[in-house]
């Protein structure tokens, strides 16, 4: 199952050319609609707040936190797609617009992420994969998964991440989006160098979040901004964990995206919270990373019709499989008689 073949054995050159065509219009729609949902969520809270009893306010805040965290994940996926230059056809939009509107609001950086993420694609599922720590330890027990989810929802994971991000921006730790900790040399560094590096690296994220606070303040609802960092610290880490589990956890260690990466079926609930911007078509993404998000369903359907991939599991099925202690790779038996793997792009 580790013999590589070119994607031209799966698709014709004309099909590859069609599948890998990005679109500025689709990119603008993806970014604009994500921010429209964020704006509508804050507006809905502002308009209904004075009419609700205390329990209604609590309930609507919980719903708003979940929706905002889902859109924070959508911003992360948009940043991910821009790092592959597949979100927009125009390079400036991938590098600059997405950096300001998608990466910085969630305290990230398109350019640093791109360098990190390219290593993930080059070394997927191997010990050199920089994202391996995100899916290490699976499959595991139901109790272990429940503990992980509780740590996410109670803010423990988010607090650890925030501390790590501060240390990374102060250049005390090596930059990463995974769970690995690599300390950087600190010899000959003065005390004032740390805050200077932090503000240099964090200034854009701070500016964007100050702007968000300013808009909400101008609308007369400055307190609503608190829901943004609260979502970032609680539901957002949970959604990232579920997304990461679905993509690579419990898969084969191989050099084929057909066996080291999983595509997951996503209904509207999953797309709202854990699978925005077609990120559930992750096997297809690893087969050809240049394919933009809106063409991934078409690519998946072509692979299904040609017998290269099985029907994908749902997110609930993946979580159940990963809590069984041992998990069979759902693609190995299916593909065993085909002996086909692919060359990741």
Protein backbone atom coordinates (compact mmCIF):
# COMPACT_ATOMS: atom_id res chain seq x y z
CA UNK A 1 0.00 0.00 0.00
CA UNK A 2 3.04 2.34 0.03
CA UNK A 3 3.79 2.29 -3.71
CA UNK A 4 3.26 5.77 -5.06
CA UNK A 5 1.51 6.59 -8.30
CA UNK A 6 0.85 9.94 -9.88
CA UNK A 7 -2.53 11.60 -9.54
CA UNK A 8 -2.63 11.41 -13.33
CA UNK A 9 -3.54 7.75 -12.81
CA UNK A 10 -6.64 8.92 -10.95
CA UNK A 11 -7.56 11.93 -13.07
CA UNK A 12 -6.86 13.09 -16.58
CA UNK A 13 -4.70 16.16 -17.07
CA UNK A 14 -7.75 18.13 -18.17
CA UNK A 15 -9.58 17.09 -14.99
CA UNK A 16 -6.60 18.10 -12.86
CA UNK A 17 -6.47 21.47 -14.63
CA UNK A 18 -10.17 22.03 -13.99
CA UNK A 19 -10.07 20.87 -10.36
CA UNK A 20 -7.14 23.10 -9.42
CA UNK A 21 -8.58 26.39 -10.69
CA UNK A 22 -9.10 28.81 -7.75
CA UNK A 23 -11.61 31.66 -7.86
CA UNK A 24 -11.46 35.14 -6.36
CA UNK A 25 -15.27 35.25 -6.34
CA UNK A 26 -15.57 32.03 -4.32
CA UNK A 27 -12.82 33.26 -1.99
CA UNK A 28 -14.59 36.55 -1.36
CA UNK A 29 -17.84 34.67 -0.71
CA UNK A 30 -16.15 32.36 1.81
CA UNK A 31 -14.51 35.21 3.76
CA UNK A 32 -17.52 37.52 3.48
CA UNK A 33 -20.11 34.94 4.52
CA UNK A 34 -17.99 33.90 7.51
CA UNK A 35 -17.83 37.47 8.77
CA UNK A 36 -21.53 37.95 7.98
CA UNK A 37 -22.37 35.11 10.37
CA UNK A 38 -20.08 36.60 13.02
CA UNK A 39 -21.74 40.00 12.61
CA UNK A 40 -25.24 38.51 12.62
CA UNK A 41 -24.46 36.61 15.83
CA UNK A 42 -23.40 39.78 17.64
CA UNK A 43 -26.34 41.70 16.18
CA UNK A 44 -28.81 39.02 17.27
CA UNK A 45 -27.45 39.19 20.81
CA UNK A 46 -27.61 42.97 20.88
CA UNK A 47 -31.19 43.16 19.57
CA UNK A 48 -32.60 40.46 21.85
CA UNK A 49 -30.62 41.10 25.04
CA UNK A 50 -32.97 43.54 26.77
CA UNK A 51 -36.03 41.33 26.13
CA UNK A 52 -34.69 38.12 27.61
CA UNK A 53 -34.87 36.82 31.20
CA UNK A 54 -31.58 35.83 32.86
CA UNK A 55 -31.85 32.21 31.80
CA UNK A 56 -32.62 33.29 28.25
CA UNK A 57 -29.51 35.47 28.23
CA UNK A 58 -27.44 32.54 29.49
CA UNK A 59 -28.86 30.22 26.85
CA UNK A 60 -28.34 32.64 23.97
CA UNK A 61 -24.78 33.30 25.13
CA UNK A 62 -24.00 29.57 25.05
CA UNK A 63 -25.43 29.30 21.54
CA UNK A 64 -23.51 32.41 20.46
CA UNK A 65 -20.24 31.04 21.85
CA UNK A 66 -20.71 27.82 19.87
CA UNK A 67 -21.51 29.73 16.67
CA UNK A 68 -18.58 32.13 17.12
CA UNK A 69 -16.20 29.25 17.81
CA UNK A 70 -17.42 27.54 14.65
CA UNK A 71 -16.68 30.72 12.68
CA UNK A 72 -13.28 31.02 14.37
CA UNK A 73 -12.56 27.56 13.00
CA UNK A 74 -13.85 28.74 9.61
CA UNK A 75 -11.33 31.61 9.75
CA UNK A 76 -8.61 29.05 10.54
CA UNK A 77 -9.64 26.95 7.53
CA UNK A 78 -9.66 30.01 5.28
CA UNK A 79 -6.12 30.76 6.50
CA UNK A 80 -5.22 27.12 5.79
CA UNK A 81 -6.56 27.34 2.24
CA UNK A 82 -4.77 30.64 1.64
CA UNK A 83 -1.52 29.04 2.80
CA UNK A 84 -1.92 26.69 -0.20
CA UNK A 85 -2.79 29.68 -2.45
CA UNK A 86 -6.04 27.90 -3.26
CA UNK A 87 -8.54 30.27 -1.61
CA UNK A 88 -8.00 33.14 -4.05
CA UNK A 89 -6.61 33.19 -7.55
CA UNK A 90 -4.87 36.48 -6.73
CA UNK A 91 -1.77 35.90 -4.60
CA UNK A 92 -2.05 39.25 -2.77
CA UNK A 93 -5.46 38.26 -1.46
CA UNK A 94 -4.12 34.95 -0.14
CA UNK A 95 -1.12 36.60 1.50
CA UNK A 96 -2.52 39.88 2.81
CA UNK A 97 -6.31 40.03 2.90
CA UNK A 98 -6.55 36.62 4.55
CA UNK A 99 -3.78 37.49 6.99
CA UNK A 100 -5.72 40.50 8.27
CA UNK A 101 -9.30 39.19 8.06
CA UNK A 102 -8.82 35.52 8.92
CA UNK A 103 -5.49 34.81 10.63
CA UNK A 104 -5.03 37.83 12.90
CA UNK A 105 -8.54 37.75 14.47
CA UNK A 106 -7.67 34.29 15.85
CA UNK A 107 -4.12 35.23 16.80
CA UNK A 108 -2.41 33.54 13.88
CA UNK A 109 -0.14 34.37 10.95
CA UNK A 110 -0.59 33.15 7.35
CA UNK A 111 3.11 33.22 6.55
CA UNK A 112 4.28 31.34 9.66
CA UNK A 113 1.41 28.90 9.28
CA UNK A 114 2.30 28.24 5.62
CA UNK A 115 5.88 27.24 6.47
CA UNK A 116 4.65 24.98 9.28
CA UNK A 117 1.84 23.41 7.27
CA UNK A 118 3.95 22.57 4.22
CA UNK A 119 6.03 20.30 6.46
CA UNK A 120 2.83 18.55 7.53
CA UNK A 121 1.96 17.79 3.91
CA UNK A 122 5.49 16.63 3.11
CA UNK A 123 5.72 14.33 6.16
CA UNK A 124 2.09 13.39 6.84
CA UNK A 125 1.69 10.59 9.38
CA UNK A 126 5.44 10.13 9.86
CA UNK A 127 7.54 10.92 12.96
CA UNK A 128 8.64 14.11 11.17
CA UNK A 129 5.05 15.35 10.80
CA UNK A 130 4.88 18.58 12.88
CA UNK A 131 1.18 17.96 13.56
CA UNK A 132 1.55 14.39 14.88
CA UNK A 133 1.09 15.51 18.48
CA UNK A 134 -2.46 16.64 17.61
CA UNK A 135 -3.54 13.04 16.91
CA UNK A 136 -1.07 11.04 19.01
CA UNK A 137 -2.55 8.56 21.45
CA UNK A 138 -5.51 7.48 19.31
CA UNK A 139 -7.34 5.21 19.41
CA UNK A 140 -7.98 5.49 23.13
CA UNK A 141 -10.78 4.94 25.63
CA UNK A 142 -14.10 6.73 25.90
CA UNK A 143 -13.06 8.08 29.30
CA UNK A 144 -9.87 9.53 27.86
CA UNK A 145 -11.73 11.26 25.04
CA UNK A 146 -14.30 12.59 27.52
CA UNK A 147 -11.51 14.04 29.67
CA UNK A 148 -9.99 15.74 26.64
CA UNK A 149 -13.34 17.26 25.68
CA UNK A 150 -13.92 18.47 29.25
CA UNK A 151 -10.48 20.12 29.34
CA UNK A 152 -11.38 21.91 26.12
CA UNK A 153 -14.80 23.14 27.22
CA UNK A 154 -13.60 24.29 30.65
CA UNK A 155 -10.87 26.45 29.12
CA UNK A 156 -7.87 24.42 30.32
CA UNK A 157 -6.72 23.66 26.78
CA UNK A 158 -7.38 27.24 25.70
CA UNK A 159 -5.39 28.64 28.64
CA UNK A 160 -2.41 26.40 27.80
CA UNK A 161 -2.60 27.48 24.18
CA UNK A 162 -2.79 31.17 25.12
CA UNK A 163 0.25 30.91 27.36
CA UNK A 164 2.06 29.06 24.60
CA UNK A 165 1.14 31.71 22.03
CA UNK A 166 2.46 34.47 24.32
CA UNK A 167 5.75 32.58 24.69
CA UNK A 168 5.94 31.93 20.95
CA UNK A 169 5.37 35.59 20.09
CA UNK A 170 7.98 36.56 22.68
CA UNK A 171 10.23 34.09 20.82
CA UNK A 172 10.80 31.99 23.90
CA UNK A 173 9.29 28.96 22.16
CA UNK A 174 9.45 27.81 18.54
CA UNK A 175 6.29 28.73 16.59
CA UNK A 176 3.85 25.88 15.99
CA UNK A 177 0.13 25.12 15.84
CA UNK A 178 0.64 21.67 17.37
CA UNK A 179 1.23 20.60 20.97
CA UNK A 180 5.02 20.29 20.77
CA UNK A 181 7.20 22.54 22.93
CA UNK A 182 10.63 23.55 21.62
CA UNK A 183 12.49 26.15 23.68
CA UNK A 184 14.57 28.70 21.82
CA UNK A 185 18.04 29.82 22.98
CA UNK A 186 17.85 32.66 25.50
CA UNK A 187 21.52 33.42 26.02
CA UNK A 188 22.47 37.10 25.71
CA UNK A 189 18.82 38.24 25.56
CA UNK A 190 17.90 41.26 27.66
CA UNK A 191 14.66 41.36 29.65
CA UNK A 192 13.20 44.10 27.46
CA UNK A 193 13.74 41.97 24.36
CA UNK A 194 10.85 39.67 25.33
CA UNK A 195 8.04 42.27 25.43
CA UNK A 196 9.51 43.94 22.32
CA UNK A 197 9.36 40.66 20.37
CA UNK A 198 5.88 39.93 21.72
CA UNK A 199 4.41 43.24 20.57
CA UNK A 200 6.20 43.02 17.23
CA UNK A 201 4.74 39.57 16.53
CA UNK A 202 1.33 40.18 18.12
CA UNK A 203 0.68 43.77 17.03
CA UNK A 204 -1.55 42.86 14.06
CA UNK A 205 -3.66 40.44 16.11
CA UNK A 206 -4.01 43.04 18.86
CA UNK A 207 -4.96 45.72 16.32
CA UNK A 208 -7.66 43.57 14.69
CA UNK A 209 -9.18 42.60 18.04
CA UNK A 210 -9.11 46.22 19.23
CA UNK A 211 -10.95 47.11 16.02
CA UNK A 212 -13.58 44.44 16.74
CA UNK A 213 -14.00 45.82 20.26
CA UNK A 214 -14.25 49.33 18.82
CA UNK A 215 -17.02 48.36 16.39
CA UNK A 216 -19.04 46.71 19.15
CA UNK A 217 -18.43 49.71 21.44
CA UNK A 218 -19.61 52.10 18.74
CA UNK A 219 -22.76 50.00 18.43
CA UNK A 220 -23.31 50.40 22.17
CA UNK A 221 -22.46 46.83 23.18
CA UNK A 222 -18.76 46.68 24.18
CA UNK A 223 -19.35 43.77 26.61
CA UNK A 224 -20.35 41.49 23.75
CA UNK A 225 -16.69 41.37 22.65
CA UNK A 226 -15.99 39.19 25.71
CA UNK A 227 -17.77 36.33 23.93
CA UNK A 228 -15.05 36.31 21.25
CA UNK A 229 -12.13 35.38 23.57
CA UNK A 230 -14.47 33.17 25.61
CA UNK A 231 -15.35 31.16 22.48
CA UNK A 232 -11.64 31.09 21.58
CA UNK A 233 -10.78 29.61 24.98
CA UNK A 234 -13.54 26.98 25.22
CA UNK A 235 -15.50 25.67 22.24
CA UNK A 236 -12.85 26.57 19.65
CA UNK A 237 -10.24 24.11 21.06
CA UNK A 238 -12.92 21.40 21.18
CA UNK A 239 -13.85 21.93 17.53
CA UNK A 240 -10.17 21.92 16.52
CA UNK A 241 -9.64 18.65 18.39
CA UNK A 242 -12.60 16.93 16.72
CA UNK A 243 -11.51 18.19 13.32
CA UNK A 244 -7.92 16.94 13.86
CA UNK A 245 -9.14 13.56 15.10
CA UNK A 246 -11.29 13.10 12.02
CA UNK A 247 -8.50 14.01 9.61
CA UNK A 248 -5.62 11.79 10.69
CA UNK A 249 -6.17 10.01 14.01
CA UNK A 250 -6.10 6.22 13.84
CA UNK A 251 -5.00 6.17 10.22
CA UNK A 252 -2.15 4.17 8.70
CA UNK A 253 1.43 5.34 8.84
CA UNK A 254 2.03 5.47 5.11
CA UNK A 255 2.98 7.83 2.30
CA UNK A 256 -0.45 7.60 0.67
CA UNK A 257 -3.26 10.04 1.36
CA UNK A 258 -5.70 7.20 0.67
CA UNK A 259 -4.57 5.49 3.86
CA UNK A 260 -3.04 8.20 6.10
CA UNK A 261 -5.87 10.75 5.78
CA UNK A 262 -9.62 10.49 6.30
CA UNK A 263 -12.55 12.19 4.60
CA UNK A 264 -15.59 12.57 6.85
CA UNK A 265 -19.27 12.98 6.03
CA UNK A 266 -20.56 16.34 7.28
CA UNK A 267 -24.18 17.39 7.63
CA UNK A 268 -25.23 20.97 8.34
CA UNK A 269 -24.50 20.69 12.09
CA UNK A 270 -20.97 19.43 11.44
CA UNK A 271 -20.42 22.12 8.81
CA UNK A 272 -21.54 24.76 11.31
CA UNK A 273 -19.15 23.75 14.06
CA UNK A 274 -16.35 21.31 13.11
CA UNK A 275 -16.25 21.12 9.29
CA UNK A 276 -16.57 24.59 7.74
CA UNK A 277 -15.32 25.46 4.24
CA UNK A 278 -15.47 21.80 3.07
CA UNK A 279 -12.54 20.86 5.33
CA UNK A 280 -14.12 17.44 5.86
CA UNK A 281 -12.89 16.45 2.36
CA UNK A 282 -9.42 16.06 3.80
CA UNK A 283 -8.27 12.99 1.89
CA UNK A 284 -8.99 14.83 -1.34
CA UNK A 285 -7.09 17.85 -0.04
CA UNK A 286 -4.00 15.74 0.67
CA UNK A 287 -4.23 14.10 -2.74
CA UNK A 288 -4.14 17.50 -4.48
CA UNK A 289 -3.63 20.41 -2.12
CA UNK A 290 -4.13 22.94 -4.92
CA UNK A 291 -7.82 22.05 -5.29
CA UNK A 292 -9.93 24.93 -3.88
CA UNK A 293 -12.58 24.20 -1.26
CA UNK A 294 -15.59 24.53 -3.59
CA UNK A 295 -14.26 21.84 -5.96
CA UNK A 296 -13.52 19.23 -3.27
CA UNK A 297 -17.03 17.67 -3.33
CA UNK A 298 -16.72 17.22 -7.09
CA UNK A 299 -13.30 15.60 -6.66
CA UNK A 300 -14.68 13.29 -3.95
CA UNK A 301 -17.56 12.23 -6.15
CA UNK A 302 -15.18 11.41 -9.00
CA UNK A 303 -13.06 9.24 -6.70
CA UNK A 304 -16.17 7.48 -5.40
CA UNK A 305 -17.46 6.75 -8.90
CA UNK A 306 -14.08 5.31 -9.90
CA UNK A 307 -13.91 3.06 -6.87
CA UNK A 308 -10.88 4.59 -5.17
CA UNK A 309 -12.52 5.59 -1.88
CA UNK A 310 -15.33 4.16 0.27
CA UNK A 311 -18.30 6.03 1.70
CA UNK A 312 -16.87 8.23 4.46
CA UNK A 313 -17.91 7.91 8.12
CA UNK A 314 -19.66 10.66 10.05
CA UNK A 315 -17.92 12.60 12.81
CA UNK A 316 -19.85 10.66 15.45
CA UNK A 317 -18.71 7.40 13.86
CA UNK A 318 -15.09 8.56 13.84
CA UNK A 319 -15.23 9.51 17.53
CA UNK A 320 -16.78 6.13 18.30
CA UNK A 321 -14.10 4.31 16.28
CA UNK A 322 -11.31 6.23 18.00
CA UNK A 323 -12.65 5.27 21.43
CA UNK A 324 -12.53 1.51 20.79
CA UNK A 325 -8.92 0.96 21.87
CA UNK A 326 -8.06 -0.57 18.50
CA UNK A 327 -9.28 0.69 15.18
CA UNK A 328 -9.15 -0.92 11.77
CA UNK A 329 -8.20 1.43 8.97
CA UNK A 330 -11.45 1.77 7.06
CA UNK A 331 -9.65 2.26 3.72
CA UNK A 332 -7.09 -0.55 3.88
CA UNK A 333 -9.43 -3.49 3.29
CA UNK A 334 -11.42 -1.51 0.75
CA UNK A 335 -8.34 -0.65 -1.31
CA UNK A 336 -6.37 -3.85 -0.77
CA UNK A 337 -7.37 -5.44 -4.05
CA UNK A 338 -6.67 -2.25 -5.98
CA UNK A 339 -3.10 -1.74 -4.77
CA UNK A 340 -3.32 1.96 -5.57
CA UNK A 341 -1.80 4.88 -3.69
CA UNK A 342 -1.25 8.43 -4.72
CA UNK A 343 1.41 11.05 -5.00
CA UNK A 344 0.53 13.91 -2.64
CA UNK A 345 0.98 17.32 -4.12
